[in-house]
């Protein structure tokens, strides 16, 4: 979707050069992990353990909600940390915050062994210059969400929220999710795609031709404009009533390919 006159201010961006000896990078996002999704968790953990890729880049919404790094000691969160620590001993893990887990902080990154990625990040790998983003910052039609995003990404809001007791934060997060689901039912713009013109502006400014993002739950690849392409990551849900879905986007020297995660067998057990 592209709106006439739409714009998103060009953010500062981080550049990461992949080591030349790497052979493959896996990209995943929007797993929304929680204790209510045991099959999804099993597939994710098994893929982290078994993938032949040299790195796994997680582009946001790994968790259904993250209410602060001090929650990592809770039972489900601890199991996630253990899976990440094990995977980080085998390959590079990188994490970019999404709209559900933007409170993942430096303590969690250190504990789990993940490298933090600012949004956006420019990846240089085997001659491919690829812009990575969660994608929510480019959904310009959802003006209410953009205002909310600016508020909760601010240092003052986060400091005040994290100062509250853990149980109170959990209750607040549940209420925010309830309101968000209600708004999604009433406002069709909530499911709007990223703004193509803004995305092309970012790509042009950063000297990249390809964008990888999540957030929209609309996996596929298409043209943003002449000479510019985007690859949308799949959300994961192997526990729901609808058709199971989970997909990994892999980048090699030859380009991108879409694969089933190696943990689907583990999820079926």
C-alpha atoms as a PDB file:
ATOM      1  CA  UNK A   1       0.000   0.000   0.000  1.00  0.00           C
ATOM      2  CA  UNK A   2       1.278   3.488  -0.798  1.00  0.00           C
ATOM      3  CA  UNK A   3      -0.316   6.748   0.201  1.00  0.00           C
ATOM      4  CA  UNK A   4       0.204   9.969  -1.682  1.00  0.00           C
ATOM      5  CA  UNK A   5       2.403  12.226   0.388  1.00  0.00           C
ATOM      6  CA  UNK A   6       3.096   9.575   3.024  1.00  0.00           C
ATOM      7  CA  UNK A   7       6.501   9.717   4.635  1.00  0.00           C
ATOM      8  CA  UNK A   8       8.440   8.173   7.466  1.00  0.00           C
ATOM      9  CA  UNK A   9      11.430  10.090   8.739  1.00  0.00           C
ATOM     10  CA  UNK A  10      14.651   8.350   7.778  1.00  0.00           C
ATOM     11  CA  UNK A  11      15.910   6.767  10.995  1.00  0.00           C
ATOM     12  CA  UNK A  12      19.463   6.264  12.044  1.00  0.00           C
ATOM     13  CA  UNK A  13      20.515   2.800  10.973  1.00  0.00           C
ATOM     14  CA  UNK A  14      23.084   0.229  12.012  1.00  0.00           C
ATOM     15  CA  UNK A  15      25.163  -1.686   9.476  1.00  0.00           C
ATOM     16  CA  UNK A  16      26.211  -5.280  10.000  1.00  0.00           C
ATOM     17  CA  UNK A  17      28.675  -7.031   7.682  1.00  0.00           C
ATOM     18  CA  UNK A  18      28.330 -10.808   7.711  1.00  0.00           C
ATOM     19  CA  UNK A  19      31.627 -12.687   8.043  1.00  0.00           C
ATOM     20  CA  UNK A  20      32.764 -13.927   4.660  1.00  0.00           C
ATOM     21  CA  UNK A  21      32.986 -17.505   5.890  1.00  0.00           C
ATOM     22  CA  UNK A  22      29.265 -17.637   6.706  1.00  0.00           C
ATOM     23  CA  UNK A  23      27.199 -19.723   4.296  1.00  0.00           C
ATOM     24  CA  UNK A  24      23.596 -18.973   5.325  1.00  0.00           C
ATOM     25  CA  UNK A  25      21.471 -16.677   7.509  1.00  0.00           C
ATOM     26  CA  UNK A  26      17.963 -17.595   8.662  1.00  0.00           C
ATOM     27  CA  UNK A  27      15.324 -14.902   9.272  1.00  0.00           C
ATOM     28  CA  UNK A  28      12.237 -15.449  11.424  1.00  0.00           C
ATOM     29  CA  UNK A  29       9.723 -13.187  13.146  1.00  0.00           C
ATOM     30  CA  UNK A  30       6.253 -13.047  14.692  1.00  0.00           C
ATOM     31  CA  UNK A  31       6.356 -16.317  16.621  1.00  0.00           C
ATOM     32  CA  UNK A  32       4.437 -14.720  19.523  1.00  0.00           C
ATOM     33  CA  UNK A  33       5.774 -17.368  21.881  1.00  0.00           C
ATOM     34  CA  UNK A  34       3.794 -18.032  25.040  1.00  0.00           C
ATOM     35  CA  UNK A  35       3.025 -20.941  27.315  1.00  0.00           C
ATOM     36  CA  UNK A  36      -0.234 -21.367  25.373  1.00  0.00           C
ATOM     37  CA  UNK A  37       1.695 -22.340  22.197  1.00  0.00           C
ATOM     38  CA  UNK A  38       3.736 -25.436  23.137  1.00  0.00           C
ATOM     39  CA  UNK A  39       3.977 -26.804  19.588  1.00  0.00           C
ATOM     40  CA  UNK A  40       5.158 -23.494  18.216  1.00  0.00           C
ATOM     41  CA  UNK A  41       7.745 -23.287  20.993  1.00  0.00           C
ATOM     42  CA  UNK A  42       8.944 -26.852  20.284  1.00  0.00           C
ATOM     43  CA  UNK A  43       9.346 -26.164  16.558  1.00  0.00           C
ATOM     44  CA  UNK A  44      11.238 -22.934  17.224  1.00  0.00           C
ATOM     45  CA  UNK A  45      13.596 -24.481  19.774  1.00  0.00           C
ATOM     46  CA  UNK A  46      14.277 -27.466  17.514  1.00  0.00           C
ATOM     47  CA  UNK A  47      15.018 -25.253  14.520  1.00  0.00           C
ATOM     48  CA  UNK A  48      17.428 -23.134  16.545  1.00  0.00           C
ATOM     49  CA  UNK A  49      19.169 -26.325  17.600  1.00  0.00           C
ATOM     50  CA  UNK A  50      19.300 -28.002  14.182  1.00  0.00           C
ATOM     51  CA  UNK A  51      19.545 -25.370  11.451  1.00  0.00           C
ATOM     52  CA  UNK A  52      22.717 -25.482   9.352  1.00  0.00           C
ATOM     53  CA  UNK A  53      22.662 -21.682   9.088  1.00  0.00           C
ATOM     54  CA  UNK A  54      25.540 -19.745  10.607  1.00  0.00           C
ATOM     55  CA  UNK A  55      23.139 -17.205  12.104  1.00  0.00           C
ATOM     56  CA  UNK A  56      19.489 -16.751  12.974  1.00  0.00           C
ATOM     57  CA  UNK A  57      18.155 -13.199  12.875  1.00  0.00           C
ATOM     58  CA  UNK A  58      14.897 -12.739  14.816  1.00  0.00           C
ATOM     59  CA  UNK A  59      13.119  -9.642  13.493  1.00  0.00           C
ATOM     60  CA  UNK A  60      10.671  -8.921  16.276  1.00  0.00           C
ATOM     61  CA  UNK A  61       7.677 -10.362  18.114  1.00  0.00           C
ATOM     62  CA  UNK A  62       9.534 -13.433  19.248  1.00  0.00           C
ATOM     63  CA  UNK A  63       7.337 -13.230  22.349  1.00  0.00           C
ATOM     64  CA  UNK A  64       3.626 -12.594  22.644  1.00  0.00           C
ATOM     65  CA  UNK A  65       4.593 -10.070  25.283  1.00  0.00           C
ATOM     66  CA  UNK A  66       7.782  -9.132  27.161  1.00  0.00           C
ATOM     67  CA  UNK A  67       7.194  -7.029  30.260  1.00  0.00           C
ATOM     68  CA  UNK A  68      10.796  -6.566  31.342  1.00  0.00           C
ATOM     69  CA  UNK A  69      14.026  -8.496  31.643  1.00  0.00           C
ATOM     70  CA  UNK A  70      13.241  -9.384  35.258  1.00  0.00           C
ATOM     71  CA  UNK A  71      10.526 -11.706  33.902  1.00  0.00           C
ATOM     72  CA  UNK A  72      13.175 -14.073  32.473  1.00  0.00           C
ATOM     73  CA  UNK A  73      13.110 -16.134  35.672  1.00  0.00           C
ATOM     74  CA  UNK A  74       9.478 -17.157  35.219  1.00  0.00           C
ATOM     75  CA  UNK A  75       8.904 -20.720  34.071  1.00  0.00           C
ATOM     76  CA  UNK A  76       8.037 -20.198  30.401  1.00  0.00           C
ATOM     77  CA  UNK A  77      10.365 -17.260  29.883  1.00  0.00           C
ATOM     78  CA  UNK A  78      13.188 -19.257  31.479  1.00  0.00           C
ATOM     79  CA  UNK A  79      12.613 -22.110  29.034  1.00  0.00           C
ATOM     80  CA  UNK A  80      12.924 -19.604  26.169  1.00  0.00           C
ATOM     81  CA  UNK A  81      16.183 -18.261  27.586  1.00  0.00           C
ATOM     82  CA  UNK A  82      17.548 -21.803  27.885  1.00  0.00           C
ATOM     83  CA  UNK A  83      16.736 -22.495  24.218  1.00  0.00           C
ATOM     84  CA  UNK A  84      18.418 -19.264  23.173  1.00  0.00           C
ATOM     85  CA  UNK A  85      21.534 -19.900  25.270  1.00  0.00           C
ATOM     86  CA  UNK A  86      21.884 -23.373  23.759  1.00  0.00           C
ATOM     87  CA  UNK A  87      21.491 -22.023  20.217  1.00  0.00           C
ATOM     88  CA  UNK A  88      23.879 -19.131  20.845  1.00  0.00           C
ATOM     89  CA  UNK A  89      26.568 -21.668  21.732  1.00  0.00           C
ATOM     90  CA  UNK A  90      26.230 -23.103  18.217  1.00  0.00           C
ATOM     91  CA  UNK A  91      25.643 -20.063  15.986  1.00  0.00           C
ATOM     92  CA  UNK A  92      25.148 -16.293  15.977  1.00  0.00           C
ATOM     93  CA  UNK A  93      21.765 -15.135  17.221  1.00  0.00           C
ATOM     94  CA  UNK A  94      20.509 -11.603  16.608  1.00  0.00           C
ATOM     95  CA  UNK A  95      17.359  -9.954  17.892  1.00  0.00           C
ATOM     96  CA  UNK A  96      15.406  -6.912  16.717  1.00  0.00           C
ATOM     97  CA  UNK A  97      12.525  -5.653  18.856  1.00  0.00           C
ATOM     98  CA  UNK A  98       8.961  -5.867  17.605  1.00  0.00           C
ATOM     99  CA  UNK A  99       5.769  -4.235  18.787  1.00  0.00           C
ATOM    100  CA  UNK A 100       5.177  -7.039  21.334  1.00  0.00           C
ATOM    101  CA  UNK A 101       8.679  -7.357  22.790  1.00  0.00           C
ATOM    102  CA  UNK A 102      10.180  -3.876  22.573  1.00  0.00           C
ATOM    103  CA  UNK A 103      11.068  -4.091  26.275  1.00  0.00           C
ATOM    104  CA  UNK A 104      13.704  -6.756  25.686  1.00  0.00           C
ATOM    105  CA  UNK A 105      16.742  -5.006  27.128  1.00  0.00           C
ATOM    106  CA  UNK A 106      20.474  -5.369  27.476  1.00  0.00           C
ATOM    107  CA  UNK A 107      20.179  -7.754  30.418  1.00  0.00           C
ATOM    108  CA  UNK A 108      18.069 -10.213  28.431  1.00  0.00           C
ATOM    109  CA  UNK A 109      20.392  -9.945  25.435  1.00  0.00           C
ATOM    110  CA  UNK A 110      23.417 -10.745  27.598  1.00  0.00           C
ATOM    111  CA  UNK A 111      21.655 -13.591  29.414  1.00  0.00           C
ATOM    112  CA  UNK A 112      20.472 -15.256  26.204  1.00  0.00           C
ATOM    113  CA  UNK A 113      23.596 -14.625  24.123  1.00  0.00           C
ATOM    114  CA  UNK A 114      21.824 -12.613  21.437  1.00  0.00           C
ATOM    115  CA  UNK A 115      23.217  -9.621  19.565  1.00  0.00           C
ATOM    116  CA  UNK A 116      20.839  -6.678  19.540  1.00  0.00           C
ATOM    117  CA  UNK A 117      19.856  -5.201  16.180  1.00  0.00           C
ATOM    118  CA  UNK A 118      18.492  -1.652  15.929  1.00  0.00           C
ATOM    119  CA  UNK A 119      15.477  -1.125  13.671  1.00  0.00           C
ATOM    120  CA  UNK A 120      16.350  -0.739  10.852  1.00  0.00           C
ATOM    121  CA  UNK A 121      19.636  -2.554  10.259  1.00  0.00           C
ATOM    122  CA  UNK A 122      21.469  -2.728   6.950  1.00  0.00           C
ATOM    123  CA  UNK A 123      22.908  -6.199   6.356  1.00  0.00           C
ATOM    124  CA  UNK A 124      25.829  -6.630   3.966  1.00  0.00           C
ATOM    125  CA  UNK A 125      26.253 -10.319   3.125  1.00  0.00           C
ATOM    126  CA  UNK A 126      28.031 -11.787   0.075  1.00  0.00           C
ATOM    127  CA  UNK A 127      27.318  -8.686  -1.986  1.00  0.00           C
ATOM    128  CA  UNK A 128      23.657  -8.512  -0.945  1.00  0.00           C
ATOM    129  CA  UNK A 129      22.697  -5.251   0.757  1.00  0.00           C
ATOM    130  CA  UNK A 130      19.471  -5.990   2.609  1.00  0.00           C
ATOM    131  CA  UNK A 131      17.520  -3.662   4.883  1.00  0.00           C
ATOM    132  CA  UNK A 132      16.051  -5.416   7.929  1.00  0.00           C
ATOM    133  CA  UNK A 133      13.096  -4.075   9.912  1.00  0.00           C
ATOM    134  CA  UNK A 134      10.296  -5.420  12.048  1.00  0.00           C
ATOM    135  CA  UNK A 135       8.001  -3.383   9.795  1.00  0.00           C
ATOM    136  CA  UNK A 136       5.637  -1.656  12.207  1.00  0.00           C
ATOM    137  CA  UNK A 137       7.354   1.724  11.846  1.00  0.00           C
ATOM    138  CA  UNK A 138       6.409   1.677   8.154  1.00  0.00           C
ATOM    139  CA  UNK A 139       2.681   1.038   8.700  1.00  0.00           C
ATOM    140  CA  UNK A 140       1.858   4.722   8.352  1.00  0.00           C
ATOM    141  CA  UNK A 141      -1.887   4.374   7.753  1.00  0.00           C
ATOM    142  CA  UNK A 142      -2.372   3.243  11.357  1.00  0.00           C
ATOM    143  CA  UNK A 143      -1.894   6.685  12.868  1.00  0.00           C
ATOM    144  CA  UNK A 144      -3.244   5.662  16.282  1.00  0.00           C
ATOM    145  CA  UNK A 145      -0.666   2.908  16.517  1.00  0.00           C
ATOM    146  CA  UNK A 146       2.142   5.211  15.399  1.00  0.00           C
ATOM    147  CA  UNK A 147       1.271   7.630  18.218  1.00  0.00           C
ATOM    148  CA  UNK A 148       1.197   4.731  20.698  1.00  0.00           C
ATOM    149  CA  UNK A 149       4.524   3.453  19.350  1.00  0.00           C
ATOM    150  CA  UNK A 150       6.202   6.818  19.873  1.00  0.00           C
ATOM    151  CA  UNK A 151       4.914   6.935  23.447  1.00  0.00           C
ATOM    152  CA  UNK A 152       5.941   3.451  24.569  1.00  0.00           C
ATOM    153  CA  UNK A 153       9.341   3.590  22.876  1.00  0.00           C
ATOM    154  CA  UNK A 154      10.160   6.700  24.899  1.00  0.00           C
ATOM    155  CA  UNK A 155      12.563   6.459  27.833  1.00  0.00           C
ATOM    156  CA  UNK A 156      10.149   8.128  30.278  1.00  0.00           C
ATOM    157  CA  UNK A 157       7.285   5.711  29.586  1.00  0.00           C
ATOM    158  CA  UNK A 158       9.548   2.682  29.779  1.00  0.00           C
ATOM    159  CA  UNK A 159      11.189   3.828  33.005  1.00  0.00           C
ATOM    160  CA  UNK A 160       7.794   4.365  34.652  1.00  0.00           C
ATOM    161  CA  UNK A 161       6.402   1.051  33.386  1.00  0.00           C
ATOM    162  CA  UNK A 162       9.425  -1.007  34.456  1.00  0.00           C
ATOM    163  CA  UNK A 163       9.318   0.551  37.915  1.00  0.00           C
ATOM    164  CA  UNK A 164       5.962  -1.154  38.574  1.00  0.00           C
ATOM    165  CA  UNK A 165       5.758  -4.617  40.179  1.00  0.00           C
ATOM    166  CA  UNK A 166       5.952  -7.539  37.761  1.00  0.00           C
ATOM    167  CA  UNK A 167       2.369  -8.668  38.417  1.00  0.00           C
ATOM    168  CA  UNK A 168       1.047  -5.167  37.762  1.00  0.00           C
ATOM    169  CA  UNK A 169       2.972  -4.968  34.504  1.00  0.00           C
ATOM    170  CA  UNK A 170       1.531  -8.326  33.421  1.00  0.00           C
ATOM    171  CA  UNK A 171      -2.001  -7.089  34.114  1.00  0.00           C
ATOM    172  CA  UNK A 172      -1.364  -3.851  32.207  1.00  0.00           C
ATOM    173  CA  UNK A 173       0.039  -5.745  29.237  1.00  0.00           C
ATOM    174  CA  UNK A 174      -2.999  -8.038  29.170  1.00  0.00           C
ATOM    175  CA  UNK A 175      -5.305  -5.036  29.174  1.00  0.00           C
ATOM    176  CA  UNK A 176      -3.360  -3.386  26.329  1.00  0.00           C
ATOM    177  CA  UNK A 177      -3.658  -6.595  24.301  1.00  0.00           C
ATOM    178  CA  UNK A 178      -7.412  -6.769  24.999  1.00  0.00           C
ATOM    179  CA  UNK A 179      -7.864  -3.193  23.774  1.00  0.00           C
ATOM    180  CA  UNK A 180      -5.715  -3.846  20.719  1.00  0.00           C
ATOM    181  CA  UNK A 181      -7.804  -6.880  19.721  1.00  0.00           C
ATOM    182  CA  UNK A 182     -10.968  -4.832  20.123  1.00  0.00           C
ATOM    183  CA  UNK A 183      -9.556  -2.078  17.934  1.00  0.00           C
ATOM    184  CA  UNK A 184      -8.547  -4.599  15.268  1.00  0.00           C
ATOM    185  CA  UNK A 185     -12.139  -5.808  15.021  1.00  0.00           C
ATOM    186  CA  UNK A 186     -13.422  -2.262  14.563  1.00  0.00           C
ATOM    187  CA  UNK A 187     -10.768  -0.648  12.395  1.00  0.00           C
ATOM    188  CA  UNK A 188      -9.805  -2.214   9.072  1.00  0.00           C
ATOM    189  CA  UNK A 189      -6.728   0.027   8.849  1.00  0.00           C
ATOM    190  CA  UNK A 190      -5.064  -1.976  11.624  1.00  0.00           C
ATOM    191  CA  UNK A 191      -4.309  -4.693   9.075  1.00  0.00           C
ATOM    192  CA  UNK A 192      -2.860  -2.214   6.594  1.00  0.00           C
ATOM    193  CA  UNK A 193       0.372  -3.050   4.843  1.00  0.00           C
ATOM    194  CA  UNK A 194       3.569  -1.028   5.055  1.00  0.00           C
ATOM    195  CA  UNK A 195       3.755   2.172   3.052  1.00  0.00           C
ATOM    196  CA  UNK A 196       5.614   1.327  -0.151  1.00  0.00           C
ATOM    197  CA  UNK A 197       6.802   4.861  -0.871  1.00  0.00           C
ATOM    198  CA  UNK A 198       8.274   5.244   2.606  1.00  0.00           C
ATOM    199  CA  UNK A 199       9.969   1.841   2.341  1.00  0.00           C
ATOM    200  CA  UNK A 200      11.507   2.756  -1.014  1.00  0.00           C
ATOM    201  CA  UNK A 201      12.719   6.016   0.531  1.00  0.00           C
ATOM    202  CA  UNK A 202      14.525   4.084   3.249  1.00  0.00           C
ATOM    203  CA  UNK A 203      16.037   1.649   0.750  1.00  0.00           C
ATOM    204  CA  UNK A 204      17.198   4.389  -1.600  1.00  0.00           C
ATOM    205  CA  UNK A 205      18.823   6.370   1.205  1.00  0.00           C
ATOM    206  CA  UNK A 206      20.630   3.302   2.519  1.00  0.00           C
ATOM    207  CA  UNK A 207      21.810   1.997  -0.836  1.00  0.00           C
ATOM    208  CA  UNK A 208      19.847  -1.266  -0.601  1.00  0.00           C
ATOM    209  CA  UNK A 209      17.499  -2.918  -3.082  1.00  0.00           C
ATOM    210  CA  UNK A 210      15.796  -5.485  -0.804  1.00  0.00           C
ATOM    211  CA  UNK A 211      13.801  -5.198   2.409  1.00  0.00           C
ATOM    212  CA  UNK A 212      13.070  -8.033   4.842  1.00  0.00           C
ATOM    213  CA  UNK A 213      10.347  -7.398   7.413  1.00  0.00           C
ATOM    214  CA  UNK A 214       7.675  -9.076   9.485  1.00  0.00           C
ATOM    215  CA  UNK A 215       4.736  -7.640  11.448  1.00  0.00           C
ATOM    216  CA  UNK A 216       2.026  -7.845   8.770  1.00  0.00           C
ATOM    217  CA  UNK A 217       1.628 -11.660   8.828  1.00  0.00           C
ATOM    218  CA  UNK A 218       1.469 -11.641   5.035  1.00  0.00           C
ATOM    219  CA  UNK A 219       4.375 -13.842   3.928  1.00  0.00           C
ATOM    220  CA  UNK A 220       5.578 -13.443   0.375  1.00  0.00           C
ATOM    221  CA  UNK A 221       7.860 -11.438  -1.862  1.00  0.00           C
ATOM    222  CA  UNK A 222       6.855  -8.625  -4.176  1.00  0.00           C
ATOM    223  CA  UNK A 223       8.030  -5.430  -5.827  1.00  0.00           C
ATOM    224  CA  UNK A 224       7.954  -2.189  -3.865  1.00  0.00           C
ATOM    225  CA  UNK A 225       8.865  -0.140  -6.914  1.00  0.00           C
ATOM    226  CA  UNK A 226      11.175  -0.387  -9.933  1.00  0.00           C
ATOM    227  CA  UNK A 227      14.402  -2.000  -8.717  1.00  0.00           C
ATOM    228  CA  UNK A 228      13.171  -2.546  -5.130  1.00  0.00           C
ATOM    229  CA  UNK A 229      11.806  -5.753  -3.614  1.00  0.00           C
ATOM    230  CA  UNK A 230      10.559  -6.815  -0.193  1.00  0.00           C
ATOM    231  CA  UNK A 231      10.364 -10.205   1.491  1.00  0.00           C
ATOM    232  CA  UNK A 232       7.715 -10.523   4.212  1.00  0.00           C
ATOM    233  CA  UNK A 233       8.324 -13.069   6.953  1.00  0.00           C
ATOM    234  CA  UNK A 234       5.671 -15.527   8.074  1.00  0.00           C
ATOM    235  CA  UNK A 235       4.103 -15.533  11.494  1.00  0.00           C
ATOM    236  CA  UNK A 236       4.196 -18.904  13.282  1.00  0.00           C
ATOM    237  CA  UNK A 237       1.223 -20.764  14.764  1.00  0.00           C
ATOM    238  CA  UNK A 238       1.329 -24.542  15.095  1.00  0.00           C
ATOM    239  CA  UNK A 239      -1.203 -24.670  17.926  1.00  0.00           C
ATOM    240  CA  UNK A 240      -4.253 -22.897  16.510  1.00  0.00           C
ATOM    241  CA  UNK A 241      -7.426 -24.287  15.008  1.00  0.00           C
ATOM    242  CA  UNK A 242      -6.552 -23.013  11.536  1.00  0.00           C
ATOM    243  CA  UNK A 243      -3.995 -24.462   9.148  1.00  0.00           C
ATOM    244  CA  UNK A 244      -0.561 -24.618  10.798  1.00  0.00           C
ATOM    245  CA  UNK A 245       1.911 -22.062   9.545  1.00  0.00           C
ATOM    246  CA  UNK A 246       5.621 -21.568  10.101  1.00  0.00           C
ATOM    247  CA  UNK A 247       8.328 -20.565   7.674  1.00  0.00           C
ATOM    248  CA  UNK A 248      11.992 -19.610   7.621  1.00  0.00           C
ATOM    249  CA  UNK A 249      13.475 -17.195   5.093  1.00  0.00           C
ATOM    250  CA  UNK A 250      17.088 -18.120   4.337  1.00  0.00           C
ATOM    251  CA  UNK A 251      19.711 -15.966   2.629  1.00  0.00           C
ATOM    252  CA  UNK A 252      22.745 -17.559   0.958  1.00  0.00           C
ATOM    253  CA  UNK A 253      25.188 -16.347  -1.662  1.00  0.00           C
ATOM    254  CA  UNK A 254      22.593 -17.334  -4.266  1.00  0.00           C
ATOM    255  CA  UNK A 255      19.798 -15.249  -2.761  1.00  0.00           C
ATOM    256  CA  UNK A 256      16.651 -15.925  -0.728  1.00  0.00           C
ATOM    257  CA  UNK A 257      14.644 -19.131  -0.323  1.00  0.00           C
ATOM    258  CA  UNK A 258      11.672 -20.047   1.872  1.00  0.00           C
ATOM    259  CA  UNK A 259      11.843 -23.207   3.956  1.00  0.00           C
ATOM    260  CA  UNK A 260       9.880 -25.114   6.544  1.00  0.00           C
ATOM    261  CA  UNK A 261      11.520 -24.962   9.970  1.00  0.00           C
ATOM    262  CA  UNK A 262      13.449 -28.077  10.913  1.00  0.00           C
ATOM    263  CA  UNK A 263      11.456 -28.364  14.109  1.00  0.00           C
ATOM    264  CA  UNK A 264       8.087 -29.327  12.632  1.00  0.00           C
ATOM    265  CA  UNK A 265       8.572 -32.950  13.666  1.00  0.00           C
ATOM    266  CA  UNK A 266       9.271 -31.827  17.233  1.00  0.00           C
ATOM    267  CA  UNK A 267       6.090 -29.744  17.192  1.00  0.00           C
ATOM    268  CA  UNK A 268       3.991 -32.734  16.180  1.00  0.00           C
ATOM    269  CA  UNK A 269       5.047 -34.801  19.200  1.00  0.00           C
END
